[in-house]
Amino acid sequence: MPMARSRYVSLEATPYYHFIGRCVRRAFLWGKDHFSGRDFSHRKAWVVERLAELSEVFSMSVCACAVMPNHYDLVPHVDRESAKKMG
C-alpha cells in the first residue's frame, strides 16, 4: 500500500538518504551482459548525466553514487533551505 513521503523522509532526523535502484530477471543496466552478449555501456554515462541534471532541478545534491552492472546506489543530501524557497 502506498505511503506518503513524509512518513519516510524526516529532515529533522537527517538530510542524507540512501537509495538503491536495481534490475530484475538478470537484466543489465549497463556493462556487458554475459548472457546475451550485448553491451549496454552507453547507458552508464546517460544515467550519471541525468543524475547531475536532476540534482540541479530538485533541492538536493549527490554526495555519493556507485553504478554497478545491475544496480546503483545513490546518497543524496536534501537542501532544506532551497526546498523552502521552492514553496
Protein backbone atom coordinates (compact mmCIF):
# COMPACT_ATOMS: atom_id res chain seq x y z
CA MET A 1 0.00 0.00 0.00
CA PRO A 2 1.44 3.44 -0.91
CA MET A 3 2.57 5.72 1.91
CA ALA A 4 3.20 9.45 1.97
CA ARG A 5 6.84 10.53 1.57
CA SER A 6 6.58 12.42 4.84
CA ARG A 7 6.40 9.04 6.60
CA TYR A 8 9.77 8.03 5.09
CA VAL A 9 11.65 11.33 4.97
CA SER A 10 12.44 13.25 8.14
CA LEU A 11 14.79 16.17 7.61
CA GLU A 12 14.88 16.64 11.37
CA ALA A 13 16.48 13.19 11.68
CA THR A 14 18.91 13.51 8.74
CA PRO A 15 19.20 15.30 5.38
CA TYR A 16 21.07 12.28 3.91
CA TYR A 17 19.39 9.21 2.44
CA HIS A 18 20.49 6.02 0.70
CA PHE A 19 18.64 4.93 -2.42
CA ILE A 20 19.11 1.71 -4.34
CA GLY A 21 17.75 1.04 -7.82
CA ARG A 22 18.15 -2.40 -9.31
CA CYS A 23 17.12 -4.61 -12.18
CA VAL A 24 15.32 -7.91 -12.00
CA ARG A 25 15.50 -11.13 -14.02
CA ARG A 26 19.25 -10.80 -14.62
CA ALA A 27 18.70 -7.65 -16.69
CA PHE A 28 21.63 -5.27 -17.06
CA LEU A 29 21.53 -1.51 -16.66
CA TRP A 30 24.97 -1.07 -18.21
CA GLY A 31 28.10 -3.03 -18.97
CA LYS A 32 28.41 -6.25 -20.91
CA ASP A 33 25.63 -8.75 -20.42
CA HIS A 34 27.38 -12.13 -20.40
CA PHE A 35 24.11 -13.99 -21.02
CA SER A 36 23.06 -12.15 -24.19
CA GLY A 37 26.48 -10.86 -25.27
CA ARG A 38 25.10 -7.33 -25.65
CA ASP A 39 26.97 -4.28 -24.40
CA PHE A 40 24.97 -1.63 -22.55
CA SER A 41 27.92 0.59 -21.53
CA HIS A 42 26.39 3.64 -23.22
CA ARG A 43 23.65 3.74 -20.57
CA LYS A 44 26.04 4.42 -17.67
CA ALA A 45 27.05 7.88 -18.94
CA TRP A 46 23.39 8.73 -19.58
CA VAL A 47 22.39 7.82 -16.01
CA VAL A 48 25.27 9.79 -14.44
CA GLU A 49 24.45 12.85 -16.61
CA ARG A 50 20.76 12.58 -15.74
CA LEU A 51 21.52 12.44 -12.00
CA ALA A 52 23.57 15.63 -12.36
CA GLU A 53 20.70 17.35 -14.20
CA LEU A 54 18.13 16.27 -11.64
CA SER A 55 20.27 17.42 -8.71
CA GLU A 56 20.22 20.93 -10.21
CA VAL A 57 16.42 20.92 -10.62
CA PHE A 58 15.49 19.45 -7.24
CA SER A 59 16.62 20.64 -3.81
CA MET A 60 19.31 18.05 -3.38
CA SER A 61 22.91 17.32 -4.19
CA VAL A 62 24.53 13.97 -4.92
CA CYS A 63 27.00 13.07 -2.17
CA ALA A 64 27.88 9.61 -3.45
CA CYS A 65 26.92 7.46 -6.38
CA ALA A 66 28.01 3.95 -7.32
CA VAL A 67 26.90 2.35 -10.56
CA MET A 68 27.18 -1.40 -10.98
CA PRO A 69 26.01 -3.52 -13.92
CA ASN A 70 22.64 -4.46 -12.39
CA HIS A 71 22.03 -1.72 -9.78
CA TYR A 72 23.06 1.68 -8.49
CA ASP A 73 23.44 3.24 -5.07
CA LEU A 74 22.79 6.93 -4.52
CA VAL A 75 23.31 9.09 -1.42
CA PRO A 76 21.67 12.50 -1.87
CA HIS A 77 21.67 15.41 0.56
CA VAL A 78 18.37 17.31 0.82
CA ASP A 79 18.87 21.09 0.94
CA ARG A 80 16.11 22.26 3.26
CA GLU A 81 16.60 25.99 2.62
CA SER A 82 16.42 25.56 -1.14
CA ALA A 83 13.29 23.41 -0.79
CA LYS A 84 11.60 26.11 1.33
CA LYS A 85 12.26 28.71 -1.37
CA MET A 86 10.50 26.49 -3.94
CA GLY A 87 7.27 26.82 -2.00
